[in-house]
Amino acid sequence: MEFDKDQIEDRVICIDDVEDYEQLTLQLANCLVQNFGNSTVYCVQDIPGEDHIYACNQDNKPIFDMLVSRGRKFAFLWYYLHPRNGLAMVEQMKKLSLERSMDFAVKFPNVPVKKEGWPSIVRYGKNPAGLALEKFIVKAGNPMLEEKTYSEENLNTYRNYDWHSVPGALDKILEKAKKMTQERLPRRKNMSMDKVRGYFLYAGCAYHYAYPYLGFGMRDIDVEVLTSSEVYTNTRCAQTEPCDIKEFGEPEYFKGHTRWLDLMWNSMHQETGDANYDLLVYMEEMRYRSDRWATMSQRPFINLETKEIVYIPNWLKKMDTII
């Protein structure tokens, strides 16, 4: 079931040689263009066996992006700015993925339905997850998808595109992350502040901090806390609180509260004394063993203590030369 390169839509731009991509990557890119004709869709290889699909609107703001991972055997879709008819496209993508014996996963930036496990990700195929949802339901989390009509101001403040210009922005995030870590210590066996090895901004904010012109903006804040290998954590050990940083906004959409800060914990598998290096080693290992780390590897990481951009995925480096 080969995909003829002559079938590639005009608005699909392949940055690497077409032969280097998974066949599913090209099909999914076509699917995006066919459903959102005013978008430009880029195919770019991150590493061999991991392709990225990036779709942006006429203002270069992302509307979707995807990871197609041979190692994790799935296609993973993120939602950003988009109309509700994107849900019909998701059904088409699911069909394409399953036909090629790849699982299909979709993440809404919210919790679609409250149930045990808080399934913000729905995965279909050989390793299903969140299927109790039965269909794609979005109740809260993205005003572009909800039935309710929001004011123009509400929509405009849903994401903050200038947060990185706030004086001491990274220091404010670090201060809150440390406070949340300190508060959690009594609940963590064998955990103490001296076993923390680093605090790293990742996901959307790190993406925006490294490439603000791509227009990702801040919805919420994600921080990775790396601890000593002496402290056991699984691959998803998190806590969430309002960030209490008023300079980042108290949007109407968030009912006038500050944005959330999600803190994720992981214990390193090695300790060389260089937390940046140890993070990269951990990521390189876990991107093949964990869906979460496979997707986290698609975003930059910033060391909040040193302000260094520690990691930029290859697909973004390539995109930087195009957009």
C-alpha atoms as a PDB file:
ATOM      1  CA  MET A   1       0.000   0.000   0.000  1.00  0.00           C
ATOM      2  CA  GLU A   2       2.528   2.557  -1.179  1.00  0.00           C
ATOM      3  CA  PHE A   3       1.630   6.243  -1.242  1.00  0.00           C
ATOM      4  CA  ASP A   4       2.457   7.801  -4.612  1.00  0.00           C
ATOM      5  CA  LYS A   5       4.340  11.089  -4.109  1.00  0.00           C
ATOM      6  CA  ASP A   6       2.325  12.525  -7.010  1.00  0.00           C
ATOM      7  CA  GLN A   7      -0.680  12.360  -4.673  1.00  0.00           C
ATOM      8  CA  ILE A   8       0.815  14.927  -2.304  1.00  0.00           C
ATOM      9  CA  GLU A   9      -1.355  18.044  -2.117  1.00  0.00           C
ATOM     10  CA  ASP A  10       0.076  21.390  -3.286  1.00  0.00           C
ATOM     11  CA  ARG A  11      -0.154  22.910   0.204  1.00  0.00           C
ATOM     12  CA  VAL A  12       1.891  20.094   1.745  1.00  0.00           C
ATOM     13  CA  ILE A  13       5.542  21.155   1.933  1.00  0.00           C
ATOM     14  CA  CYS A  14       8.052  18.331   2.474  1.00  0.00           C
ATOM     15  CA  ILE A  15      11.242  19.682   4.050  1.00  0.00           C
ATOM     16  CA  ASP A  16      13.103  16.370   3.822  1.00  0.00           C
ATOM     17  CA  ASP A  17      13.213  13.840   0.984  1.00  0.00           C
ATOM     18  CA  VAL A  18       9.777  12.334   0.504  1.00  0.00           C
ATOM     19  CA  GLU A  19      11.251   8.823   0.661  1.00  0.00           C
ATOM     20  CA  ASP A  20      12.416   9.459   4.249  1.00  0.00           C
ATOM     21  CA  TYR A  21       8.883   9.833   5.644  1.00  0.00           C
ATOM     22  CA  GLU A  22       6.495   7.226   6.901  1.00  0.00           C
ATOM     23  CA  GLN A  23       3.760   6.667   4.319  1.00  0.00           C
ATOM     24  CA  LEU A  24       1.205   7.520   7.000  1.00  0.00           C
ATOM     25  CA  THR A  25       2.845  10.933   7.483  1.00  0.00           C
ATOM     26  CA  LEU A  26       2.114  11.931   3.893  1.00  0.00           C
ATOM     27  CA  GLN A  27      -1.457  10.658   4.082  1.00  0.00           C
ATOM     28  CA  LEU A  28      -2.162  12.560   7.289  1.00  0.00           C
ATOM     29  CA  ALA A  29      -0.619  15.743   5.885  1.00  0.00           C
ATOM     30  CA  ASN A  30      -2.925  15.443   2.881  1.00  0.00           C
ATOM     31  CA  CYS A  31      -5.858  14.917   5.227  1.00  0.00           C
ATOM     32  CA  LEU A  32      -5.065  18.182   7.028  1.00  0.00           C
ATOM     33  CA  VAL A  33      -4.950  20.196   3.804  1.00  0.00           C
ATOM     34  CA  GLN A  34      -8.131  18.610   2.470  1.00  0.00           C
ATOM     35  CA  ASN A  35     -10.022  19.607   5.624  1.00  0.00           C
ATOM     36  CA  PHE A  36      -8.399  23.016   6.149  1.00  0.00           C
ATOM     37  CA  GLY A  37      -7.697  24.441   2.721  1.00  0.00           C
ATOM     38  CA  ASN A  38      -6.425  27.798   4.041  1.00  0.00           C
ATOM     39  CA  SER A  39      -3.632  26.129   6.002  1.00  0.00           C
ATOM     40  CA  THR A  40      -0.053  25.351   5.025  1.00  0.00           C
ATOM     41  CA  VAL A  41       1.165  21.945   6.153  1.00  0.00           C
ATOM     42  CA  TYR A  42       4.815  21.007   6.615  1.00  0.00           C
ATOM     43  CA  CYS A  43       6.255  17.496   6.840  1.00  0.00           C
ATOM     44  CA  VAL A  44       9.599  17.317   8.603  1.00  0.00           C
ATOM     45  CA  GLN A  45      11.601  14.424  10.021  1.00  0.00           C
ATOM     46  CA  ASP A  46      12.726  14.875  13.616  1.00  0.00           C
ATOM     47  CA  ILE A  47      14.842  11.716  13.809  1.00  0.00           C
ATOM     48  CA  PRO A  48      14.673   8.585  11.631  1.00  0.00           C
ATOM     49  CA  GLY A  49      11.408   6.868  12.484  1.00  0.00           C
ATOM     50  CA  GLU A  50       9.828  10.019  13.954  1.00  0.00           C
ATOM     51  CA  ASP A  51       8.097  12.443  11.603  1.00  0.00           C
ATOM     52  CA  HIS A  52       6.414  15.706  12.496  1.00  0.00           C
ATOM     53  CA  ILE A  53       3.502  17.391  10.720  1.00  0.00           C
ATOM     54  CA  TYR A  54       2.968  21.094  11.371  1.00  0.00           C
ATOM     55  CA  ALA A  55      -0.088  22.987  10.127  1.00  0.00           C
ATOM     56  CA  CYS A  56      -0.335  26.770  10.424  1.00  0.00           C
ATOM     57  CA  ASN A  57      -2.770  29.436   9.310  1.00  0.00           C
ATOM     58  CA  GLN A  58      -2.054  32.516   7.183  1.00  0.00           C
ATOM     59  CA  ASP A  59      -0.613  34.319  10.246  1.00  0.00           C
ATOM     60  CA  ASN A  60       1.807  31.418  10.858  1.00  0.00           C
ATOM     61  CA  LYS A  61      -0.056  30.463  14.051  1.00  0.00           C
ATOM     62  CA  PRO A  62      -0.236  26.704  14.624  1.00  0.00           C
ATOM     63  CA  ILE A  63      -3.617  25.091  14.206  1.00  0.00           C
ATOM     64  CA  PHE A  64      -2.513  21.447  14.457  1.00  0.00           C
ATOM     65  CA  ASP A  65       0.662  19.480  14.748  1.00  0.00           C
ATOM     66  CA  MET A  66       1.351  15.773  14.801  1.00  0.00           C
ATOM     67  CA  LEU A  67       3.978  13.195  15.678  1.00  0.00           C
ATOM     68  CA  VAL A  68       4.168   9.956  13.705  1.00  0.00           C
ATOM     69  CA  SER A  69       6.400   7.587  15.674  1.00  0.00           C
ATOM     70  CA  ARG A  70       7.491   4.199  14.401  1.00  0.00           C
ATOM     71  CA  GLY A  71       8.997   3.416  17.815  1.00  0.00           C
ATOM     72  CA  ARG A  72       5.755   4.097  19.711  1.00  0.00           C
ATOM     73  CA  LYS A  73       3.674   2.817  16.771  1.00  0.00           C
ATOM     74  CA  PHE A  74       1.255   5.724  16.804  1.00  0.00           C
ATOM     75  CA  ALA A  75       0.198   8.983  15.207  1.00  0.00           C
ATOM     76  CA  PHE A  76      -0.400  11.653  17.862  1.00  0.00           C
ATOM     77  CA  LEU A  77      -2.398  14.829  17.160  1.00  0.00           C
ATOM     78  CA  TRP A  78      -2.326  18.100  19.128  1.00  0.00           C
ATOM     79  CA  TYR A  79      -5.088  20.699  18.782  1.00  0.00           C
ATOM     80  CA  TYR A  80      -4.520  24.475  18.880  1.00  0.00           C
ATOM     81  CA  LEU A  81      -6.448  27.172  17.017  1.00  0.00           C
ATOM     82  CA  HIS A  82      -9.130  25.586  14.912  1.00  0.00           C
ATOM     83  CA  PRO A  83     -12.847  25.419  14.239  1.00  0.00           C
ATOM     84  CA  ARG A  84     -15.079  22.652  15.490  1.00  0.00           C
ATOM     85  CA  ASN A  85     -15.167  20.808  12.175  1.00  0.00           C
ATOM     86  CA  GLY A  86     -11.688  19.564  13.069  1.00  0.00           C
ATOM     87  CA  LEU A  87     -13.457  16.760  14.921  1.00  0.00           C
ATOM     88  CA  ALA A  88     -14.637  15.241  11.615  1.00  0.00           C
ATOM     89  CA  MET A  89     -11.042  15.324  10.368  1.00  0.00           C
ATOM     90  CA  VAL A  90      -9.963  13.409  13.466  1.00  0.00           C
ATOM     91  CA  GLU A  91     -12.231  10.531  12.467  1.00  0.00           C
ATOM     92  CA  GLN A  92     -10.583  10.412   9.037  1.00  0.00           C
ATOM     93  CA  MET A  93      -7.112  10.429  10.589  1.00  0.00           C
ATOM     94  CA  LYS A  94      -8.069   7.608  12.923  1.00  0.00           C
ATOM     95  CA  LYS A  95      -9.172   5.493   9.957  1.00  0.00           C
ATOM     96  CA  LEU A  96      -5.956   6.203   8.010  1.00  0.00           C
ATOM     97  CA  SER A  97      -3.772   5.310  11.000  1.00  0.00           C
ATOM     98  CA  LEU A  98      -5.535   2.057  11.860  1.00  0.00           C
ATOM     99  CA  GLU A  99      -5.400   0.976   8.207  1.00  0.00           C
ATOM    100  CA  ARG A 100      -1.603   1.188   8.431  1.00  0.00           C
ATOM    101  CA  SER A 101      -1.504  -0.761  11.728  1.00  0.00           C
ATOM    102  CA  MET A 102      -0.559   2.365  13.681  1.00  0.00           C
ATOM    103  CA  ASP A 103      -2.458   3.487  16.766  1.00  0.00           C
ATOM    104  CA  PHE A 104      -4.083   6.902  16.635  1.00  0.00           C
ATOM    105  CA  ALA A 105      -4.029   9.254  19.632  1.00  0.00           C
ATOM    106  CA  VAL A 106      -5.503  12.727  19.983  1.00  0.00           C
ATOM    107  CA  LYS A 107      -4.940  15.193  22.795  1.00  0.00           C
ATOM    108  CA  PHE A 108      -7.358  17.958  23.578  1.00  0.00           C
ATOM    109  CA  PRO A 109      -5.811  20.703  25.767  1.00  0.00           C
ATOM    110  CA  ASN A 110      -8.302  19.927  28.527  1.00  0.00           C
ATOM    111  CA  VAL A 111     -10.118  17.080  30.260  1.00  0.00           C
ATOM    112  CA  PRO A 112     -12.955  16.084  27.933  1.00  0.00           C
ATOM    113  CA  VAL A 113     -15.026  14.135  30.482  1.00  0.00           C
ATOM    114  CA  LYS A 114     -14.275  13.718  34.165  1.00  0.00           C
ATOM    115  CA  LYS A 115     -13.729  10.043  34.951  1.00  0.00           C
ATOM    116  CA  GLU A 116     -11.166   7.903  36.681  1.00  0.00           C
ATOM    117  CA  GLY A 117      -7.835   8.511  34.968  1.00  0.00           C
ATOM    118  CA  TRP A 118      -8.622  12.037  33.713  1.00  0.00           C
ATOM    119  CA  PRO A 119      -8.388  11.087  30.039  1.00  0.00           C
ATOM    120  CA  SER A 120      -7.166  14.124  28.152  1.00  0.00           C
ATOM    121  CA  ILE A 121      -5.767  11.693  25.566  1.00  0.00           C
ATOM    122  CA  VAL A 122      -7.848   9.237  23.569  1.00  0.00           C
ATOM    123  CA  ARG A 123      -5.937   6.410  21.877  1.00  0.00           C
ATOM    124  CA  TYR A 124      -7.280   3.878  19.391  1.00  0.00           C
ATOM    125  CA  GLY A 125      -5.682   0.698  18.061  1.00  0.00           C
ATOM    126  CA  LYS A 126      -3.680  -2.059  19.724  1.00  0.00           C
ATOM    127  CA  ASN A 127      -3.002  -0.022  22.884  1.00  0.00           C
ATOM    128  CA  PRO A 128      -6.296   1.794  23.489  1.00  0.00           C
ATOM    129  CA  ALA A 129      -6.757   4.436  26.184  1.00  0.00           C
ATOM    130  CA  GLY A 130      -9.584   6.735  27.233  1.00  0.00           C
ATOM    131  CA  LEU A 131     -12.116   4.840  25.133  1.00  0.00           C
ATOM    132  CA  ALA A 132     -14.827   5.219  27.757  1.00  0.00           C
ATOM    133  CA  LEU A 133     -15.391   8.575  26.090  1.00  0.00           C
ATOM    134  CA  GLU A 134     -16.878   6.693  23.091  1.00  0.00           C
ATOM    135  CA  LYS A 135     -16.685   9.808  20.950  1.00  0.00           C
ATOM    136  CA  PHE A 136     -14.732  13.052  20.821  1.00  0.00           C
ATOM    137  CA  ILE A 137     -16.334  15.256  23.464  1.00  0.00           C
ATOM    138  CA  VAL A 138     -14.933  18.601  24.498  1.00  0.00           C
ATOM    139  CA  LYS A 139     -16.561  20.266  27.470  1.00  0.00           C
ATOM    140  CA  ALA A 140     -13.925  22.772  28.525  1.00  0.00           C
ATOM    141  CA  GLY A 141     -10.355  23.801  27.886  1.00  0.00           C
ATOM    142  CA  ASN A 142     -10.412  25.360  24.434  1.00  0.00           C
ATOM    143  CA  PRO A 143     -12.895  28.122  23.586  1.00  0.00           C
ATOM    144  CA  MET A 144     -12.471  27.349  19.890  1.00  0.00           C
ATOM    145  CA  LEU A 145     -14.203  23.999  20.444  1.00  0.00           C
ATOM    146  CA  GLU A 146     -16.937  24.733  22.936  1.00  0.00           C
ATOM    147  CA  GLU A 147     -20.600  25.208  22.177  1.00  0.00           C
ATOM    148  CA  LYS A 148     -20.700  28.394  24.261  1.00  0.00           C
ATOM    149  CA  THR A 149     -20.047  31.700  22.500  1.00  0.00           C
ATOM    150  CA  TYR A 150     -17.250  33.714  24.084  1.00  0.00           C
ATOM    151  CA  SER A 151     -16.545  37.423  23.878  1.00  0.00           C
ATOM    152  CA  GLU A 152     -13.770  38.677  21.620  1.00  0.00           C
ATOM    153  CA  GLU A 153     -11.783  39.711  24.708  1.00  0.00           C
ATOM    154  CA  ASN A 154     -12.190  36.245  26.171  1.00  0.00           C
ATOM    155  CA  LEU A 155     -10.833  34.579  23.043  1.00  0.00           C
ATOM    156  CA  ASN A 156      -8.001  37.098  22.732  1.00  0.00           C
ATOM    157  CA  THR A 157      -6.773  36.449  26.281  1.00  0.00           C
ATOM    158  CA  TYR A 158      -7.120  32.653  26.164  1.00  0.00           C
ATOM    159  CA  ARG A 159      -3.446  32.557  25.188  1.00  0.00           C
ATOM    160  CA  ASN A 160      -0.841  35.114  26.250  1.00  0.00           C
ATOM    161  CA  TYR A 161       1.579  35.860  23.420  1.00  0.00           C
ATOM    162  CA  ASP A 162       3.668  38.380  25.389  1.00  0.00           C
ATOM    163  CA  TRP A 163       4.305  36.534  28.656  1.00  0.00           C
ATOM    164  CA  HIS A 164       8.019  36.117  27.881  1.00  0.00           C
ATOM    165  CA  SER A 165       8.353  39.929  27.933  1.00  0.00           C
ATOM    166  CA  VAL A 166       7.363  40.102  31.611  1.00  0.00           C
ATOM    167  CA  PRO A 167      10.497  41.069  33.599  1.00  0.00           C
ATOM    168  CA  GLY A 168      11.868  38.010  35.379  1.00  0.00           C
ATOM    169  CA  ALA A 169       9.290  35.703  33.766  1.00  0.00           C
ATOM    170  CA  LEU A 170      11.394  32.550  34.121  1.00  0.00           C
ATOM    171  CA  ASP A 171      12.366  33.438  37.693  1.00  0.00           C
ATOM    172  CA  LYS A 172       8.699  33.820  38.630  1.00  0.00           C
ATOM    173  CA  ILE A 173       7.922  30.384  37.176  1.00  0.00           C
ATOM    174  CA  LEU A 174      10.909  28.867  38.989  1.00  0.00           C
ATOM    175  CA  GLU A 175       9.848  30.414  42.303  1.00  0.00           C
ATOM    176  CA  LYS A 176       6.365  28.914  42.012  1.00  0.00           C
ATOM    177  CA  ALA A 177       7.731  25.521  40.933  1.00  0.00           C
ATOM    178  CA  LYS A 178      10.041  25.419  43.956  1.00  0.00           C
ATOM    179  CA  LYS A 179       7.186  26.375  46.261  1.00  0.00           C
ATOM    180  CA  MET A 180       5.012  23.574  44.872  1.00  0.00           C
ATOM    181  CA  THR A 181       7.900  21.133  45.233  1.00  0.00           C
ATOM    182  CA  GLN A 182       8.450  22.162  48.839  1.00  0.00           C
ATOM    183  CA  GLU A 183       4.748  21.730  49.615  1.00  0.00           C
ATOM    184  CA  ARG A 184       4.753  18.223  48.208  1.00  0.00           C
ATOM    185  CA  LEU A 185       7.811  16.962  50.079  1.00  0.00           C
ATOM    186  CA  PRO A 186       5.901  15.629  53.121  1.00  0.00           C
ATOM    187  CA  ARG A 187       3.866  13.397  50.775  1.00  0.00           C
ATOM    188  CA  ARG A 188       6.891  11.903  49.001  1.00  0.00           C
ATOM    189  CA  LYS A 189       8.871   9.146  50.660  1.00  0.00           C
ATOM    190  CA  ASN A 190      12.652   9.669  50.696  1.00  0.00           C
ATOM    191  CA  MET A 191      12.230  13.055  49.029  1.00  0.00           C
ATOM    192  CA  SER A 192      13.955  16.276  50.077  1.00  0.00           C
ATOM    193  CA  MET A 193      14.890  19.504  48.326  1.00  0.00           C
ATOM    194  CA  ASP A 194      18.535  18.476  48.165  1.00  0.00           C
ATOM    195  CA  LYS A 195      17.528  15.592  45.882  1.00  0.00           C
ATOM    196  CA  VAL A 196      16.117  17.917  43.223  1.00  0.00           C
ATOM    197  CA  ARG A 197      18.533  18.111  40.304  1.00  0.00           C
ATOM    198  CA  GLY A 198      16.805  20.622  38.052  1.00  0.00           C
ATOM    199  CA  TYR A 199      13.679  22.531  37.018  1.00  0.00           C
ATOM    200  CA  PHE A 200      12.908  22.684  33.300  1.00  0.00           C
ATOM    201  CA  LEU A 201      10.227  24.580  31.415  1.00  0.00           C
ATOM    202  CA  TYR A 202       8.863  22.420  28.606  1.00  0.00           C
ATOM    203  CA  ALA A 203       5.827  21.985  26.308  1.00  0.00           C
ATOM    204  CA  GLY A 204       3.989  25.046  24.954  1.00  0.00           C
ATOM    205  CA  CYS A 205       5.716  27.768  26.956  1.00  0.00           C
ATOM    206  CA  ALA A 206       9.158  26.415  26.104  1.00  0.00           C
ATOM    207  CA  TYR A 207       8.090  26.193  22.470  1.00  0.00           C
ATOM    208  CA  HIS A 208       6.979  29.834  22.560  1.00  0.00           C
ATOM    209  CA  TYR A 209      10.033  31.026  24.503  1.00  0.00           C
ATOM    210  CA  ALA A 210      12.394  29.501  21.932  1.00  0.00           C
ATOM    211  CA  TYR A 211      10.327  30.522  18.882  1.00  0.00           C
ATOM    212  CA  PRO A 212       7.947  33.361  19.822  1.00  0.00           C
ATOM    213  CA  TYR A 213       7.261  34.256  16.184  1.00  0.00           C
ATOM    214  CA  LEU A 214       5.551  30.889  15.664  1.00  0.00           C
ATOM    215  CA  GLY A 215       2.727  32.300  17.761  1.00  0.00           C
ATOM    216  CA  PHE A 216       2.132  29.449  20.175  1.00  0.00           C
ATOM    217  CA  GLY A 217       1.608  31.594  23.255  1.00  0.00           C
ATOM    218  CA  MET A 218       0.956  30.615  26.877  1.00  0.00           C
ATOM    219  CA  ARG A 219      -2.173  28.757  27.867  1.00  0.00           C
ATOM    220  CA  ASP A 220      -0.784  27.131  30.993  1.00  0.00           C
ATOM    221  CA  ILE A 221       2.737  26.397  32.285  1.00  0.00           C
ATOM    222  CA  ASP A 222       4.490  23.003  32.299  1.00  0.00           C
ATOM    223  CA  VAL A 223       7.572  22.395  34.452  1.00  0.00           C
ATOM    224  CA  GLU A 224       9.597  19.183  34.680  1.00  0.00           C
ATOM    225  CA  VAL A 225      11.326  18.504  38.012  1.00  0.00           C
ATOM    226  CA  LEU A 226      14.234  16.085  37.752  1.00  0.00           C
ATOM    227  CA  THR A 227      15.210  14.356  40.971  1.00  0.00           C
ATOM    228  CA  SER A 228      18.037  12.102  42.073  1.00  0.00           C
ATOM    229  CA  SER A 229      17.862   8.486  40.962  1.00  0.00           C
ATOM    230  CA  GLU A 230      17.472   7.664  44.673  1.00  0.00           C
ATOM    231  CA  VAL A 231      13.892   8.991  44.519  1.00  0.00           C
ATOM    232  CA  TYR A 232      11.352   6.765  42.773  1.00  0.00           C
ATOM    233  CA  THR A 233       8.839   8.380  40.436  1.00  0.00           C
ATOM    234  CA  ASN A 234       6.888   6.931  37.548  1.00  0.00           C
ATOM    235  CA  THR A 235       6.742   8.592  34.134  1.00  0.00           C
ATOM    236  CA  ARG A 236       3.719  10.686  35.079  1.00  0.00           C
ATOM    237  CA  CYS A 237       3.751  12.037  38.596  1.00  0.00           C
ATOM    238  CA  ALA A 238       2.225  15.498  38.529  1.00  0.00           C
ATOM    239  CA  GLN A 239       0.494  18.236  40.502  1.00  0.00           C
ATOM    240  CA  THR A 240      -1.412  21.298  39.304  1.00  0.00           C
ATOM    241  CA  GLU A 241      -2.067  24.682  40.929  1.00  0.00           C
ATOM    242  CA  PRO A 242      -2.827  28.240  39.789  1.00  0.00           C
ATOM    243  CA  CYS A 243       0.557  29.824  39.107  1.00  0.00           C
ATOM    244  CA  ASP A 244      -0.272  32.989  41.151  1.00  0.00           C
ATOM    245  CA  ILE A 245       1.697  35.049  38.599  1.00  0.00           C
ATOM    246  CA  LYS A 246      -0.721  37.873  37.831  1.00  0.00           C
ATOM    247  CA  GLU A 247       1.592  39.399  35.248  1.00  0.00           C
ATOM    248  CA  PHE A 248       0.757  36.458  32.957  1.00  0.00           C
ATOM    249  CA  GLY A 249      -2.906  37.405  33.101  1.00  0.00           C
ATOM    250  CA  GLU A 250      -6.096  36.440  34.866  1.00  0.00           C
ATOM    251  CA  PRO A 251      -8.214  35.730  31.775  1.00  0.00           C
ATOM    252  CA  GLU A 252     -11.976  35.762  31.710  1.00  0.00           C
ATOM    253  CA  TYR A 253     -11.747  32.267  30.237  1.00  0.00           C
ATOM    254  CA  PHE A 254     -10.053  31.033  33.423  1.00  0.00           C
ATOM    255  CA  LYS A 255     -12.791  32.693  35.480  1.00  0.00           C
ATOM    256  CA  GLY A 256     -10.424  35.482  36.490  1.00  0.00           C
ATOM    257  CA  HIS A 257      -7.840  33.161  38.077  1.00  0.00           C
ATOM    258  CA  THR A 258      -4.177  32.964  37.147  1.00  0.00           C
ATOM    259  CA  ARG A 259      -3.079  30.320  34.669  1.00  0.00           C
ATOM    260  CA  TRP A 260      -2.328  26.786  35.844  1.00  0.00           C
ATOM    261  CA  LEU A 261       1.156  25.477  36.500  1.00  0.00           C
ATOM    262  CA  ASP A 262       1.549  21.737  35.939  1.00  0.00           C
ATOM    263  CA  LEU A 263       4.535  20.233  37.720  1.00  0.00           C
ATOM    264  CA  MET A 264       5.774  16.834  36.547  1.00  0.00           C
ATOM    265  CA  TRP A 265       8.303  14.743  38.463  1.00  0.00           C
ATOM    266  CA  ASN A 266      10.780  12.188  37.159  1.00  0.00           C
ATOM    267  CA  SER A 267      13.824  10.582  38.724  1.00  0.00           C
ATOM    268  CA  MET A 268      16.939  10.447  36.567  1.00  0.00           C
ATOM    269  CA  HIS A 269      18.460   7.172  35.457  1.00  0.00           C
ATOM    270  CA  GLN A 270      21.999   8.480  35.823  1.00  0.00           C
ATOM    271  CA  GLU A 271      23.733  11.343  37.623  1.00  0.00           C
ATOM    272  CA  THR A 272      26.832  12.899  36.117  1.00  0.00           C
ATOM    273  CA  GLY A 273      26.561  16.220  37.941  1.00  0.00           C
ATOM    274  CA  ASP A 274      25.333  17.868  34.735  1.00  0.00           C
ATOM    275  CA  ALA A 275      21.526  17.992  34.967  1.00  0.00           C
ATOM    276  CA  ASN A 276      21.181  19.264  31.388  1.00  0.00           C
ATOM    277  CA  TYR A 277      23.112  16.307  30.001  1.00  0.00           C
ATOM    278  CA  ASP A 278      21.289  13.846  32.238  1.00  0.00           C
ATOM    279  CA  LEU A 279      17.944  15.209  31.018  1.00  0.00           C
ATOM    280  CA  LEU A 280      18.950  14.621  27.393  1.00  0.00           C
ATOM    281  CA  VAL A 281      20.051  11.055  28.150  1.00  0.00           C
ATOM    282  CA  TYR A 282      16.801  10.393  29.998  1.00  0.00           C
ATOM    283  CA  MET A 283      14.737  11.829  27.146  1.00  0.00           C
ATOM    284  CA  GLU A 284      16.567   9.845  24.488  1.00  0.00           C
ATOM    285  CA  GLU A 285      15.830   6.644  26.388  1.00  0.00           C
ATOM    286  CA  MET A 286      12.239   7.400  27.388  1.00  0.00           C
ATOM    287  CA  ARG A 287      11.001   8.711  24.019  1.00  0.00           C
ATOM    288  CA  TYR A 288      10.947   5.050  22.907  1.00  0.00           C
ATOM    289  CA  ARG A 289       9.415   3.707  26.145  1.00  0.00           C
ATOM    290  CA  SER A 290       6.795   6.304  27.061  1.00  0.00           C
ATOM    291  CA  ASP A 291       4.087   7.987  24.991  1.00  0.00           C
ATOM    292  CA  ARG A 292       4.369  11.045  27.203  1.00  0.00           C
ATOM    293  CA  TRP A 293       8.118  11.373  26.674  1.00  0.00           C
ATOM    294  CA  ALA A 294       7.746  10.655  22.956  1.00  0.00           C
ATOM    295  CA  THR A 295       5.549  13.747  22.742  1.00  0.00           C
ATOM    296  CA  MET A 296       7.621  15.801  25.209  1.00  0.00           C
ATOM    297  CA  SER A 297      10.653  15.219  23.006  1.00  0.00           C
ATOM    298  CA  GLN A 298       8.882  17.259  20.305  1.00  0.00           C
ATOM    299  CA  ARG A 299       9.149  20.476  22.352  1.00  0.00           C
ATOM    300  CA  PRO A 300      12.102  22.543  23.654  1.00  0.00           C
ATOM    301  CA  PHE A 301      13.324  22.414  27.260  1.00  0.00           C
ATOM    302  CA  ILE A 302      14.634  25.453  29.163  1.00  0.00           C
ATOM    303  CA  ASN A 303      16.654  25.196  32.377  1.00  0.00           C
ATOM    304  CA  LEU A 304      14.783  27.609  34.676  1.00  0.00           C
ATOM    305  CA  GLU A 305      17.785  28.113  36.960  1.00  0.00           C
ATOM    306  CA  THR A 306      20.379  28.913  34.272  1.00  0.00           C
ATOM    307  CA  LYS A 307      17.937  30.209  31.581  1.00  0.00           C
ATOM    308  CA  GLU A 308      19.653  27.956  29.007  1.00  0.00           C
ATOM    309  CA  ILE A 309      17.670  26.470  26.141  1.00  0.00           C
ATOM    310  CA  VAL A 310      18.878  22.947  26.787  1.00  0.00           C
ATOM    311  CA  TYR A 311      17.075  21.107  24.023  1.00  0.00           C
ATOM    312  CA  ILE A 312      15.406  21.925  20.715  1.00  0.00           C
ATOM    313  CA  PRO A 313      13.943  19.077  18.642  1.00  0.00           C
ATOM    314  CA  ASN A 314      15.367  18.722  15.168  1.00  0.00           C
ATOM    315  CA  TRP A 315      12.029  19.350  13.479  1.00  0.00           C
ATOM    316  CA  LEU A 316      11.852  22.828  15.020  1.00  0.00           C
ATOM    317  CA  LYS A 317      15.427  23.616  14.020  1.00  0.00           C
ATOM    318  CA  LYS A 318      14.493  22.761  10.441  1.00  0.00           C
ATOM    319  CA  MET A 319      11.273  24.770  10.615  1.00  0.00           C
ATOM    320  CA  ASP A 320      13.257  27.746  11.865  1.00  0.00           C
ATOM    321  CA  THR A 321      14.922  27.959   8.450  1.00  0.00           C
ATOM    322  CA  ILE A 322      11.552  27.875   6.663  1.00  0.00           C
ATOM    323  CA  ILE A 323       9.173  30.141   8.636  1.00  0.00           C
END
